Amino acid sequence: KAPATCPNCKGSGQVRFQQGFFSVSKTCGKCHGEGRIITDPCKPCKGQGRIKRYREINVRIPAGVDTDSKLRMSGEGELGLYGGPPGDLYIFINVEEHQFFKREGMTLYCKVPVSFPHAALGAEIEVPTIDGVTNLKIPQGTPSGKAFHLKGKGMPRIGSHQRGDQIVIVNIEVPKHLTSRQKEILEEFAKINGDEVSKGFKEKLKDLFAGMKT
């Protein structure tokens, strides 16, 4: 049957009562403020006009969302009481961590392993981006921890064509196992270059202790 007018509040959803010299209104306890009641409620919905069911919907995730981003799906919420319009569904995003990239806002960070010869002599290496693999030229003498900026290769801003940057951090890999020939080459390199490095370090130590004595 169709909802009937609540006989207690006469359809207003409010009832008035006298409290001393004052007249006070409160929500009707029979219809709970609806102004209507179901005189012959069905068992599945108990007169509410709705039952609980679960269903799956397809959601389009816009580019650039981050953890705690909130999406609103209009009209995908619960149905209103007694055939009322449905509400909205809010979806809270939780972005999983990536094996290569770390994100800070629109900026992406990526550590890339580089061999010692490539770092010393310079090379063109492959770098992963969210658009695919790109090439990056590193100059000779690149130290470990050196950062290179890839402009426009970061995360997009939601609802915009603007994108952040990707920062590539070089991580020089030191080989753990060397062949006899590789050891010979490195030992020869150490003999040629070792004095220059140690000389510069000794000069810094002399300046440090000289300053402490004065």
N, C-alpha and C. Protein backbone atom coordinates (compact mmCIF):
# COMPACT_ATOMS: atom_id res chain seq x y z
N LYS A 1 0.83 -1.20 0.00
CA LYS A 1 0.00 0.00 0.00
C LYS A 1 0.87 1.25 0.00
N ALA A 2 0.30 2.34 -0.50
CA ALA A 2 1.01 3.62 -0.50
C ALA A 2 1.08 4.17 0.91
N PRO A 3 2.12 4.96 1.21
CA PRO A 3 2.21 5.56 2.55
C PRO A 3 0.99 6.41 2.86
N ALA A 4 0.55 6.36 4.10
CA ALA A 4 -0.59 7.15 4.56
C ALA A 4 -0.11 8.29 5.44
N THR A 5 -0.93 9.31 5.54
CA THR A 5 -0.59 10.45 6.39
C THR A 5 -0.56 10.00 7.85
N CYS A 6 0.47 10.40 8.53
CA CYS A 6 0.62 10.03 9.94
C CYS A 6 -0.52 10.65 10.76
N PRO A 7 -1.28 9.81 11.47
CA PRO A 7 -2.38 10.37 12.26
C PRO A 7 -1.92 11.12 13.50
N ASN A 8 -0.69 10.87 13.91
CA ASN A 8 -0.20 11.50 15.13
C ASN A 8 0.17 12.96 14.92
N CYS A 9 0.85 13.26 13.79
CA CYS A 9 1.28 14.64 13.51
C CYS A 9 0.51 15.27 12.37
N LYS A 10 -0.43 14.52 11.80
CA LYS A 10 -1.24 15.01 10.68
C LYS A 10 -0.38 15.37 9.45
N GLY A 11 0.74 14.68 9.30
CA GLY A 11 1.59 14.87 8.12
C GLY A 11 2.65 15.94 8.25
N SER A 12 2.72 16.62 9.38
CA SER A 12 3.72 17.69 9.53
C SER A 12 5.09 17.17 9.94
N GLY A 13 5.13 15.98 10.50
CA GLY A 13 6.39 15.43 11.00
C GLY A 13 6.78 15.97 12.35
N GLN A 14 6.03 16.91 12.87
CA GLN A 14 6.30 17.53 14.17
C GLN A 14 5.05 17.46 15.04
N VAL A 15 5.27 17.31 16.31
CA VAL A 15 4.17 17.37 17.28
C VAL A 15 4.49 18.46 18.29
N ARG A 16 3.45 19.10 18.78
CA ARG A 16 3.62 20.18 19.75
C ARG A 16 3.05 19.74 21.09
N PHE A 17 3.71 20.18 22.14
CA PHE A 17 3.20 19.89 23.48
C PHE A 17 3.50 21.09 24.38
N GLN A 18 2.73 21.20 25.42
CA GLN A 18 2.83 22.33 26.33
C GLN A 18 3.80 22.00 27.44
N GLN A 19 4.73 22.91 27.68
CA GLN A 19 5.69 22.76 28.77
C GLN A 19 5.67 24.06 29.58
N GLY A 20 4.86 24.04 30.61
CA GLY A 20 4.69 25.26 31.40
C GLY A 20 3.94 26.31 30.60
N PHE A 21 4.55 27.47 30.48
CA PHE A 21 3.96 28.55 29.69
C PHE A 21 4.35 28.48 28.21
N PHE A 22 5.21 27.51 27.85
CA PHE A 22 5.75 27.46 26.49
C PHE A 22 5.17 26.29 25.71
N SER A 23 5.04 26.50 24.40
CA SER A 23 4.63 25.45 23.48
C SER A 23 5.87 24.99 22.72
N VAL A 24 6.19 23.70 22.82
CA VAL A 24 7.43 23.16 22.27
C VAL A 24 7.11 22.14 21.17
N SER A 25 7.90 22.18 20.08
CA SER A 25 7.75 21.21 18.98
C SER A 25 8.88 20.19 19.04
N LYS A 26 8.55 18.97 18.67
CA LYS A 26 9.57 17.93 18.57
C LYS A 26 9.20 16.98 17.44
N THR A 27 10.17 16.18 17.03
CA THR A 27 9.94 15.23 15.94
C THR A 27 8.92 14.18 16.35
N CYS A 28 8.02 13.91 15.44
CA CYS A 28 6.99 12.91 15.71
C CYS A 28 7.61 11.54 15.92
N GLY A 29 7.25 10.89 17.01
CA GLY A 29 7.82 9.59 17.32
C GLY A 29 7.21 8.45 16.53
N LYS A 30 6.06 8.68 15.91
CA LYS A 30 5.39 7.61 15.17
C LYS A 30 5.93 7.49 13.74
N CYS A 31 6.11 8.65 13.08
CA CYS A 31 6.60 8.62 11.69
C CYS A 31 8.05 9.06 11.57
N HIS A 32 8.68 9.41 12.73
CA HIS A 32 10.08 9.84 12.77
C HIS A 32 10.34 11.04 11.87
N GLY A 33 9.37 11.96 11.85
CA GLY A 33 9.54 13.20 11.11
C GLY A 33 9.20 13.12 9.64
N GLU A 34 8.79 11.94 9.15
CA GLU A 34 8.49 11.79 7.73
C GLU A 34 7.11 12.34 7.36
N GLY A 35 6.20 12.36 8.31
CA GLY A 35 4.84 12.82 8.02
C GLY A 35 3.96 11.75 7.41
N ARG A 36 4.55 10.60 7.09
CA ARG A 36 3.81 9.49 6.50
C ARG A 36 4.21 8.20 7.18
N ILE A 37 3.32 7.25 7.16
CA ILE A 37 3.60 5.94 7.74
C ILE A 37 3.13 4.86 6.79
N ILE A 38 3.72 3.69 6.94
CA ILE A 38 3.30 2.52 6.17
C ILE A 38 2.37 1.71 7.07
N THR A 39 1.12 1.66 6.70
CA THR A 39 0.15 0.95 7.54
C THR A 39 0.26 -0.56 7.42
N ASP A 40 0.75 -1.04 6.29
CA ASP A 40 0.88 -2.49 6.07
C ASP A 40 2.26 -2.78 5.48
N PRO A 41 3.33 -2.66 6.28
CA PRO A 41 4.69 -2.80 5.75
C PRO A 41 4.98 -4.23 5.30
N CYS A 42 5.77 -4.34 4.21
CA CYS A 42 6.19 -5.67 3.75
C CYS A 42 7.34 -6.15 4.62
N LYS A 43 7.49 -7.47 4.69
CA LYS A 43 8.50 -8.04 5.58
C LYS A 43 9.94 -7.77 5.13
N PRO A 44 10.26 -7.87 3.82
CA PRO A 44 11.68 -7.66 3.43
C PRO A 44 12.21 -6.27 3.78
N CYS A 45 11.43 -5.22 3.53
CA CYS A 45 11.95 -3.86 3.75
C CYS A 45 11.43 -3.22 5.02
N LYS A 46 10.46 -3.90 5.69
CA LYS A 46 9.88 -3.39 6.93
C LYS A 46 9.30 -1.99 6.75
N GLY A 47 8.78 -1.75 5.58
CA GLY A 47 8.11 -0.49 5.31
C GLY A 47 9.01 0.65 4.89
N GLN A 48 10.31 0.41 4.77
CA GLN A 48 11.22 1.49 4.39
C GLN A 48 11.27 1.72 2.88
N GLY A 49 10.82 0.74 2.12
CA GLY A 49 10.86 0.88 0.67
C GLY A 49 12.22 0.59 0.06
N ARG A 50 13.10 -0.03 0.81
CA ARG A 50 14.43 -0.36 0.30
C ARG A 50 14.98 -1.56 1.05
N ILE A 51 15.81 -2.34 0.38
CA ILE A 51 16.49 -3.47 0.99
C ILE A 51 17.97 -3.39 0.65
N LYS A 52 18.79 -4.04 1.45
CA LYS A 52 20.24 -3.97 1.27
C LYS A 52 20.71 -5.01 0.25
N ARG A 53 21.43 -4.54 -0.75
CA ARG A 53 22.04 -5.41 -1.74
C ARG A 53 23.41 -4.86 -2.11
N TYR A 54 24.30 -5.75 -2.52
CA TYR A 54 25.64 -5.35 -2.92
C TYR A 54 25.79 -5.50 -4.43
N ARG A 55 26.42 -4.53 -5.04
CA ARG A 55 26.66 -4.60 -6.47
C ARG A 55 27.99 -3.93 -6.80
N GLU A 56 28.55 -4.31 -7.93
CA GLU A 56 29.81 -3.73 -8.38
C GLU A 56 29.54 -2.69 -9.46
N ILE A 57 30.31 -1.62 -9.42
CA ILE A 57 30.20 -0.58 -10.44
C ILE A 57 31.60 -0.30 -10.98
N ASN A 58 31.67 0.16 -12.20
CA ASN A 58 32.94 0.56 -12.81
C ASN A 58 33.23 2.02 -12.48
N VAL A 59 34.43 2.27 -12.02
CA VAL A 59 34.82 3.62 -11.62
C VAL A 59 36.02 4.05 -12.46
N ARG A 60 35.93 5.21 -13.06
CA ARG A 60 37.05 5.76 -13.83
C ARG A 60 37.94 6.57 -12.90
N ILE A 61 39.18 6.13 -12.74
CA ILE A 61 40.13 6.82 -11.88
C ILE A 61 40.85 7.89 -12.70
N PRO A 62 40.70 9.14 -12.37
CA PRO A 62 41.37 10.19 -13.15
C PRO A 62 42.88 10.19 -12.93
N ALA A 63 43.61 10.61 -13.93
CA ALA A 63 45.08 10.68 -13.82
C ALA A 63 45.48 11.68 -12.75
N GLY A 64 46.45 11.29 -11.93
CA GLY A 64 47.00 12.20 -10.93
C GLY A 64 46.47 12.01 -9.53
N VAL A 65 45.55 11.06 -9.31
CA VAL A 65 45.02 10.87 -7.96
C VAL A 65 46.13 10.38 -7.03
N ASP A 66 45.96 10.66 -5.76
CA ASP A 66 46.94 10.24 -4.76
C ASP A 66 46.19 9.62 -3.59
N THR A 67 46.92 9.05 -2.65
CA THR A 67 46.29 8.50 -1.46
C THR A 67 45.48 9.57 -0.74
N ASP A 68 44.29 9.18 -0.31
CA ASP A 68 43.32 10.05 0.36
C ASP A 68 42.56 10.96 -0.60
N SER A 69 42.80 10.82 -1.91
CA SER A 69 41.94 11.52 -2.86
C SER A 69 40.52 10.95 -2.75
N LYS A 70 39.53 11.79 -2.97
CA LYS A 70 38.13 11.38 -2.81
C LYS A 70 37.38 11.59 -4.12
N LEU A 71 36.69 10.54 -4.56
CA LEU A 71 35.88 10.60 -5.77
C LEU A 71 34.41 10.54 -5.39
N ARG A 72 33.61 11.37 -6.02
CA ARG A 72 32.17 11.39 -5.75
C ARG A 72 31.43 10.79 -6.94
N MET A 73 30.63 9.76 -6.66
CA MET A 73 29.80 9.13 -7.67
C MET A 73 28.35 9.54 -7.41
N SER A 74 27.87 10.49 -8.18
CA SER A 74 26.54 11.03 -7.97
C SER A 74 25.46 9.99 -8.24
N GLY A 75 24.52 9.86 -7.29
CA GLY A 75 23.40 8.94 -7.45
C GLY A 75 23.72 7.48 -7.27
N GLU A 76 24.94 7.15 -6.80
CA GLU A 76 25.34 5.75 -6.62
C GLU A 76 25.30 5.33 -5.15
N GLY A 77 24.76 6.18 -4.30
CA GLY A 77 24.66 5.86 -2.88
C GLY A 77 23.40 5.07 -2.56
N GLU A 78 23.03 5.03 -1.28
CA GLU A 78 21.84 4.29 -0.86
C GLU A 78 20.57 5.01 -1.30
N LEU A 79 19.54 4.22 -1.54
CA LEU A 79 18.24 4.80 -1.88
C LEU A 79 17.64 5.50 -0.68
N GLY A 80 16.85 6.52 -0.94
CA GLY A 80 16.17 7.21 0.13
C GLY A 80 15.01 6.39 0.67
N LEU A 81 14.54 6.75 1.85
CA LEU A 81 13.42 6.05 2.45
C LEU A 81 12.14 6.28 1.64
N TYR A 82 11.33 5.24 1.60
CA TYR A 82 10.01 5.30 0.97
C TYR A 82 10.09 5.77 -0.49
N GLY A 83 11.09 5.25 -1.21
CA GLY A 83 11.20 5.58 -2.63
C GLY A 83 11.87 6.90 -2.91
N GLY A 84 12.54 7.47 -1.91
CA GLY A 84 13.23 8.74 -2.10
C GLY A 84 14.44 8.59 -3.00
N PRO A 85 14.98 9.70 -3.49
CA PRO A 85 16.12 9.64 -4.43
C PRO A 85 17.37 9.09 -3.75
N PRO A 86 18.26 8.45 -4.52
CA PRO A 86 19.48 7.89 -3.93
C PRO A 86 20.48 8.99 -3.58
N GLY A 87 21.35 8.67 -2.64
CA GLY A 87 22.42 9.59 -2.28
C GLY A 87 23.64 9.37 -3.15
N ASP A 88 24.77 9.90 -2.72
CA ASP A 88 26.01 9.80 -3.49
C ASP A 88 26.95 8.79 -2.84
N LEU A 89 27.83 8.24 -3.64
CA LEU A 89 28.86 7.31 -3.17
C LEU A 89 30.21 8.02 -3.21
N TYR A 90 30.93 7.99 -2.10
CA TYR A 90 32.26 8.59 -2.02
C TYR A 90 33.30 7.48 -1.94
N ILE A 91 34.29 7.57 -2.81
CA ILE A 91 35.35 6.57 -2.87
C ILE A 91 36.67 7.22 -2.46
N PHE A 92 37.32 6.63 -1.46
CA PHE A 92 38.60 7.14 -0.97
C PHE A 92 39.72 6.28 -1.56
N ILE A 93 40.70 6.95 -2.18
CA ILE A 93 41.76 6.27 -2.91
C ILE A 93 42.94 5.94 -1.99
N ASN A 94 43.49 4.75 -2.16
CA ASN A 94 44.73 4.36 -1.48
C ASN A 94 45.70 3.84 -2.56
N VAL A 95 46.74 4.61 -2.85
CA VAL A 95 47.67 4.26 -3.93
C VAL A 95 48.76 3.34 -3.38
N GLU A 96 48.97 2.21 -4.04
CA GLU A 96 50.01 1.28 -3.63
C GLU A 96 51.40 1.82 -3.98
N GLU A 97 52.40 1.39 -3.20
CA GLU A 97 53.77 1.80 -3.48
C GLU A 97 54.28 1.10 -4.74
N HIS A 98 55.15 1.79 -5.47
CA HIS A 98 55.71 1.25 -6.71
C HIS A 98 57.13 0.77 -6.47
N GLN A 99 57.54 -0.23 -7.22
CA GLN A 99 58.87 -0.80 -7.01
C GLN A 99 59.99 0.12 -7.50
N PHE A 100 59.68 1.05 -8.41
CA PHE A 100 60.70 1.95 -8.94
C PHE A 100 60.52 3.39 -8.47
N PHE A 101 59.29 3.84 -8.39
CA PHE A 101 59.04 5.27 -8.17
C PHE A 101 58.59 5.56 -6.74
N LYS A 102 59.02 6.72 -6.26
CA LYS A 102 58.49 7.29 -5.02
C LYS A 102 57.92 8.66 -5.36
N ARG A 103 56.80 8.97 -4.75
CA ARG A 103 56.07 10.17 -5.14
C ARG A 103 56.00 11.18 -4.00
N GLU A 104 56.21 12.44 -4.36
CA GLU A 104 55.99 13.56 -3.45
C GLU A 104 55.21 14.61 -4.23
N GLY A 105 53.90 14.62 -4.05
CA GLY A 105 53.07 15.53 -4.82
C GLY A 105 53.08 15.14 -6.29
N MET A 106 53.49 16.08 -7.12
CA MET A 106 53.57 15.82 -8.56
C MET A 106 54.96 15.36 -8.99
N THR A 107 55.90 15.29 -8.06
CA THR A 107 57.29 14.92 -8.36
C THR A 107 57.50 13.43 -8.13
N LEU A 108 58.15 12.78 -9.08
CA LEU A 108 58.51 11.37 -8.96
C LEU A 108 60.01 11.24 -8.77
N TYR A 109 60.41 10.32 -7.90
CA TYR A 109 61.83 10.04 -7.65
C TYR A 109 62.11 8.60 -8.07
N CYS A 110 63.26 8.41 -8.68
CA CYS A 110 63.63 7.08 -9.15
C CYS A 110 65.14 6.90 -9.02
N LYS A 111 65.58 5.82 -8.35
CA LYS A 111 67.00 5.50 -8.25
C LYS A 111 67.38 4.54 -9.37
N VAL A 112 68.46 4.88 -10.06
CA VAL A 112 68.89 4.07 -11.20
C VAL A 112 70.32 3.58 -10.96
N PRO A 113 70.57 2.27 -11.05
CA PRO A 113 71.93 1.76 -10.88
C PRO A 113 72.78 2.07 -12.11
N VAL A 114 74.01 2.52 -11.87
CA VAL A 114 74.95 2.83 -12.95
C VAL A 114 76.28 2.18 -12.62
N SER A 115 76.89 1.55 -13.59
CA SER A 115 78.18 0.90 -13.36
C SER A 115 79.28 1.94 -13.19
N PHE A 116 80.35 1.54 -12.53
CA PHE A 116 81.46 2.46 -12.29
C PHE A 116 82.08 2.97 -13.60
N PRO A 117 82.32 2.11 -14.60
CA PRO A 117 82.88 2.62 -15.86
C PRO A 117 81.98 3.66 -16.53
N HIS A 118 80.67 3.42 -16.52
CA HIS A 118 79.75 4.38 -17.14
C HIS A 118 79.75 5.71 -16.39
N ALA A 119 79.82 5.64 -15.06
CA ALA A 119 79.85 6.87 -14.27
C ALA A 119 81.15 7.63 -14.50
N ALA A 120 82.25 6.90 -14.63
CA ALA A 120 83.55 7.55 -14.80
C ALA A 120 83.74 8.10 -16.22
N LEU A 121 83.28 7.36 -17.21
CA LEU A 121 83.52 7.74 -18.60
C LEU A 121 82.35 8.47 -19.24
N GLY A 122 81.18 8.39 -18.60
CA GLY A 122 79.99 8.97 -19.21
C GLY A 122 79.30 7.94 -20.09
N ALA A 123 77.99 8.02 -20.18
CA ALA A 123 77.25 7.04 -20.99
C ALA A 123 75.81 7.51 -21.17
N GLU A 124 75.12 6.82 -22.02
CA GLU A 124 73.68 7.03 -22.20
C GLU A 124 72.97 5.81 -21.65
N ILE A 125 72.14 6.01 -20.64
CA ILE A 125 71.50 4.89 -19.95
C ILE A 125 69.98 4.95 -20.16
N GLU A 126 69.33 3.82 -19.93
CA GLU A 126 67.88 3.76 -20.01
C GLU A 126 67.27 4.01 -18.63
N VAL A 127 66.24 4.83 -18.60
CA VAL A 127 65.59 5.22 -17.35
C VAL A 127 64.09 4.95 -17.47
N PRO A 128 63.49 4.29 -16.47
CA PRO A 128 62.03 4.07 -16.53
C PRO A 128 61.27 5.35 -16.17
N THR A 129 60.19 5.61 -16.89
CA THR A 129 59.26 6.69 -16.56
C THR A 129 57.85 6.10 -16.64
N ILE A 130 56.85 6.86 -16.18
CA ILE A 130 55.48 6.36 -16.25
C ILE A 130 54.98 6.33 -17.69
N ASP A 131 55.72 6.95 -18.60
CA ASP A 131 55.36 6.92 -20.02
C ASP A 131 56.10 5.82 -20.78
N GLY A 132 57.02 5.15 -20.10
CA GLY A 132 57.85 4.15 -20.77
C GLY A 132 59.32 4.45 -20.52
N VAL A 133 60.18 3.71 -21.19
CA VAL A 133 61.63 3.87 -21.01
C VAL A 133 62.13 5.04 -21.86
N THR A 134 62.99 5.87 -21.26
CA THR A 134 63.61 6.97 -21.99
C THR A 134 65.11 6.92 -21.77
N ASN A 135 65.87 7.60 -22.62
CA ASN A 135 67.33 7.62 -22.52
C ASN A 135 67.80 8.86 -21.78
N LEU A 136 68.82 8.69 -20.96
CA LEU A 136 69.40 9.80 -20.19
C LEU A 136 70.91 9.78 -20.36
N LYS A 137 71.47 10.91 -20.76
CA LYS A 137 72.92 11.04 -20.90
C LYS A 137 73.51 11.51 -19.59
N ILE A 138 74.47 10.73 -19.09
CA ILE A 138 75.16 11.13 -17.87
C ILE A 138 76.60 11.50 -18.25
N PRO A 139 77.10 12.61 -17.75
CA PRO A 139 78.45 13.04 -18.11
C PRO A 139 79.51 12.22 -17.40
N GLN A 140 80.73 12.30 -17.90
CA GLN A 140 81.82 11.57 -17.24
C GLN A 140 82.08 12.18 -15.86
N GLY A 141 82.48 11.33 -14.95
CA GLY A 141 82.76 11.78 -13.59
C GLY A 141 81.51 11.98 -12.75
N THR A 142 80.42 11.32 -13.11
CA THR A 142 79.18 11.46 -12.34
C THR A 142 79.31 10.73 -11.01
N PRO A 143 79.11 11.43 -9.87
CA PRO A 143 79.22 10.78 -8.57
C PRO A 143 77.93 10.07 -8.18
N SER A 144 78.03 9.16 -7.24
CA SER A 144 76.85 8.48 -6.74
C SER A 144 75.98 9.48 -5.97
N GLY A 145 74.68 9.42 -6.18
CA GLY A 145 73.77 10.35 -5.54
C GLY A 145 73.44 11.57 -6.39
N LYS A 146 74.09 11.71 -7.54
CA LYS A 146 73.82 12.82 -8.44
C LYS A 146 72.38 12.74 -8.95
N ALA A 147 71.68 13.87 -8.94
CA ALA A 147 70.28 13.91 -9.36
C ALA A 147 70.14 14.59 -10.72
N PHE A 148 69.36 14.00 -11.57
CA PHE A 148 69.05 14.56 -12.89
C PHE A 148 67.54 14.79 -12.99
N HIS A 149 67.15 15.93 -13.57
CA HIS A 149 65.74 16.28 -13.70
C HIS A 149 65.23 15.93 -15.10
N LEU A 150 64.13 15.23 -15.14
CA LEU A 150 63.42 14.98 -16.39
C LEU A 150 62.15 15.82 -16.35
N LYS A 151 62.18 16.95 -17.02
CA LYS A 151 61.06 17.89 -16.95
C LYS A 151 59.81 17.32 -17.63
N GLY A 152 58.68 17.46 -16.93
CA GLY A 152 57.41 17.01 -17.48
C GLY A 152 57.20 15.52 -17.48
N LYS A 153 58.05 14.77 -16.75
CA LYS A 153 57.92 13.32 -16.69
C LYS A 153 57.34 12.84 -15.36
N GLY A 154 56.86 13.78 -14.54
CA GLY A 154 56.29 13.41 -13.26
C GLY A 154 54.80 13.13 -13.34
N MET A 155 54.11 13.26 -12.20
CA MET A 155 52.68 12.98 -12.13
C MET A 155 51.87 14.15 -12.67
N PRO A 156 50.73 13.85 -13.30
CA PRO A 156 49.87 14.93 -13.79
C PRO A 156 49.04 15.52 -12.66
N ARG A 157 48.66 16.78 -12.84
CA ARG A 157 47.73 17.41 -11.92
C ARG A 157 46.31 17.03 -12.33
N ILE A 158 45.47 16.68 -11.35
CA ILE A 158 44.11 16.25 -11.64
C ILE A 158 43.35 17.35 -12.38
N GLY A 159 42.74 16.97 -13.49
CA GLY A 159 41.95 17.92 -14.26
C GLY A 159 42.75 18.93 -15.04
N SER A 160 44.05 18.64 -15.24
CA SER A 160 44.91 19.59 -15.95
C SER A 160 45.90 18.82 -16.82
N HIS A 161 46.46 19.50 -17.82
CA HIS A 161 47.50 18.91 -18.66
C HIS A 161 48.89 19.14 -18.06
N GLN A 162 48.96 19.85 -16.96
CA GLN A 162 50.24 20.15 -16.32
C GLN A 162 50.79 18.90 -15.63
N ARG A 163 52.10 18.73 -15.73
CA ARG A 163 52.75 17.59 -15.09
C ARG A 163 53.98 18.04 -14.32
N GLY A 164 54.31 17.27 -13.30
CA GLY A 164 55.50 17.54 -12.53
C GLY A 164 56.74 16.96 -13.20
N ASP A 165 57.84 16.95 -12.45
CA ASP A 165 59.11 16.44 -12.99
C ASP A 165 59.45 15.10 -12.36
N GLN A 166 60.34 14.39 -13.02
CA GLN A 166 60.90 13.16 -12.46
C GLN A 166 62.36 13.42 -12.14
N ILE A 167 62.76 13.05 -10.94
CA ILE A 167 64.14 13.20 -10.51
C ILE A 167 64.80 11.83 -10.48
N VAL A 168 65.84 11.68 -11.29
CA VAL A 168 66.58 10.43 -11.38
C VAL A 168 67.84 10.54 -10.54
N ILE A 169 67.98 9.66 -9.57
CA ILE A 169 69.14 9.66 -8.68
C ILE A 169 70.05 8.50 -9.05
N VAL A 170 71.30 8.83 -9.35
CA VAL A 170 72.26 7.82 -9.79
C VAL A 170 72.84 7.08 -8.59
N ASN A 171 72.87 5.78 -8.68
CA ASN A 171 73.46 4.93 -7.64
C ASN A 171 74.59 4.11 -8.27
N ILE A 172 75.83 4.49 -7.96
CA ILE A 172 76.98 3.81 -8.55
C ILE A 172 77.14 2.42 -7.94
N GLU A 173 77.13 1.41 -8.79
CA GLU A 173 77.28 0.04 -8.31
C GLU A 173 78.75 -0.37 -8.31
N VAL A 174 79.19 -0.90 -7.19
CA VAL A 174 80.56 -1.41 -7.06
C VAL A 174 80.53 -2.92 -7.22
N PRO A 175 81.27 -3.47 -8.16
CA PRO A 175 81.23 -4.93 -8.38
C PRO A 175 81.78 -5.69 -7.17
N LYS A 176 81.08 -6.75 -6.80
CA LYS A 176 81.51 -7.57 -5.66
C LYS A 176 82.50 -8.65 -6.08
N HIS A 177 82.39 -9.09 -7.30
CA HIS A 177 83.26 -10.16 -7.79
C HIS A 177 84.00 -9.68 -9.04
N LEU A 178 85.32 -9.77 -9.01
CA LEU A 178 86.16 -9.30 -10.11
C LEU A 178 87.00 -10.45 -10.66
N THR A 179 87.21 -10.41 -11.96
CA THR A 179 88.14 -11.35 -12.57
C THR A 179 89.56 -10.85 -12.33
N SER A 180 90.52 -11.71 -12.61
CA SER A 180 91.92 -11.33 -12.42
C SER A 180 92.27 -10.13 -13.29
N ARG A 181 91.77 -10.12 -14.51
CA ARG A 181 92.06 -9.01 -15.42
C ARG A 181 91.44 -7.71 -14.92
N GLN A 182 90.22 -7.78 -14.40
CA GLN A 182 89.57 -6.59 -13.86
C GLN A 182 90.34 -6.05 -12.65
N LYS A 183 90.83 -6.94 -11.81
CA LYS A 183 91.62 -6.51 -10.65
C LYS A 183 92.90 -5.81 -11.09
N GLU A 184 93.55 -6.36 -12.11
CA GLU A 184 94.78 -5.74 -12.62
C GLU A 184 94.52 -4.33 -13.12
N ILE A 185 93.43 -4.17 -13.86
CA ILE A 185 93.09 -2.85 -14.41
C ILE A 185 92.80 -1.86 -13.29
N LEU A 186 92.04 -2.29 -12.28
CA LEU A 186 91.70 -1.39 -11.18
C LEU A 186 92.92 -1.05 -10.33
N GLU A 187 93.81 -2.04 -10.14
CA GLU A 187 95.04 -1.77 -9.38
C GLU A 187 95.91 -0.78 -10.12
N GLU A 188 95.98 -0.90 -11.44
CA GLU A 188 96.74 0.05 -12.23
C GLU A 188 96.12 1.44 -12.16
N PHE A 189 94.80 1.48 -12.19
CA PHE A 189 94.09 2.76 -12.08
C PHE A 189 94.35 3.40 -10.72
N ALA A 190 94.36 2.56 -9.67
CA ALA A 190 94.60 3.08 -8.32
C ALA A 190 96.00 3.66 -8.19
N LYS A 191 96.98 3.03 -8.84
CA LYS A 191 98.35 3.55 -8.79
C LYS A 191 98.45 4.90 -9.48
N ILE A 192 97.75 5.03 -10.60
CA ILE A 192 97.81 6.28 -11.36
C ILE A 192 97.06 7.40 -10.65
N ASN A 193 95.91 7.08 -10.10
CA ASN A 193 95.01 8.11 -9.57
C ASN A 193 95.09 8.25 -8.06
N GLY A 194 95.62 7.24 -7.39
CA GLY A 194 95.58 7.22 -5.92
C GLY A 194 96.32 8.37 -5.28
N ASP A 195 97.49 8.76 -5.80
CA ASP A 195 98.27 9.84 -5.21
C ASP A 195 97.53 11.16 -5.26
N GLU A 196 96.81 11.41 -6.35
CA GLU A 196 96.08 12.66 -6.48
C GLU A 196 94.99 12.77 -5.44
N VAL A 197 94.28 11.67 -5.23
CA VAL A 197 93.20 11.68 -4.24
C VAL A 197 93.75 11.84 -2.84
N SER A 198 94.78 11.05 -2.51
CA SER A 198 95.34 11.11 -1.16
C SER A 198 96.01 12.45 -0.91
N LYS A 199 96.61 13.03 -1.94
CA LYS A 199 97.27 14.33 -1.77
C LYS A 199 96.25 15.40 -1.41
N GLY A 200 95.13 15.40 -2.10
CA GLY A 200 94.10 16.39 -1.79
C GLY A 200 93.55 16.20 -0.40
N PHE A 201 93.38 14.94 0.03
CA PHE A 201 92.86 14.67 1.36
C PHE A 201 93.86 15.09 2.43
N LYS A 202 95.15 14.84 2.17
CA LYS A 202 96.18 15.22 3.14
C LYS A 202 96.26 16.73 3.29
N GLU A 203 96.10 17.44 2.18
CA GLU A 203 96.12 18.91 2.25
C GLU A 203 94.98 19.42 3.11
N LYS A 204 93.81 18.80 2.98
CA LYS A 204 92.67 19.22 3.80
C LYS A 204 92.92 18.93 5.27
N LEU A 205 93.56 17.79 5.56
CA LEU A 205 93.87 17.47 6.95
C LEU A 205 94.87 18.46 7.54
N LYS A 206 95.89 18.83 6.74
CA LYS A 206 96.88 19.81 7.21
C LYS A 206 96.22 21.14 7.55
N ASP A 207 95.32 21.58 6.67
CA ASP A 207 94.61 22.84 6.91
C ASP A 207 93.75 22.76 8.16
N LEU A 208 93.12 21.59 8.38
CA LEU A 208 92.26 21.42 9.54
C LEU A 208 93.06 21.50 10.83
N PHE A 209 94.17 20.75 10.92
CA PHE A 209 94.97 20.74 12.14
C PHE A 209 95.71 22.06 12.35
N ALA A 210 96.08 22.70 11.23
CA ALA A 210 96.72 24.01 11.35
C ALA A 210 95.77 25.02 11.97
N GLY A 211 94.51 24.95 11.58
CA GLY A 211 93.51 25.85 12.14
C GLY A 211 93.26 25.57 13.61
N MET A 212 93.35 24.30 14.01
CA MET A 212 93.12 23.94 15.41
C MET A 212 94.26 24.42 16.30
N LYS A 213 95.49 24.41 15.76
CA LYS A 213 96.64 24.84 16.55
C LYS A 213 96.62 26.34 16.81
N THR A 214 96.14 27.09 15.80
CA THR A 214 96.10 28.54 15.96
C THR A 214 94.92 28.95 16.83
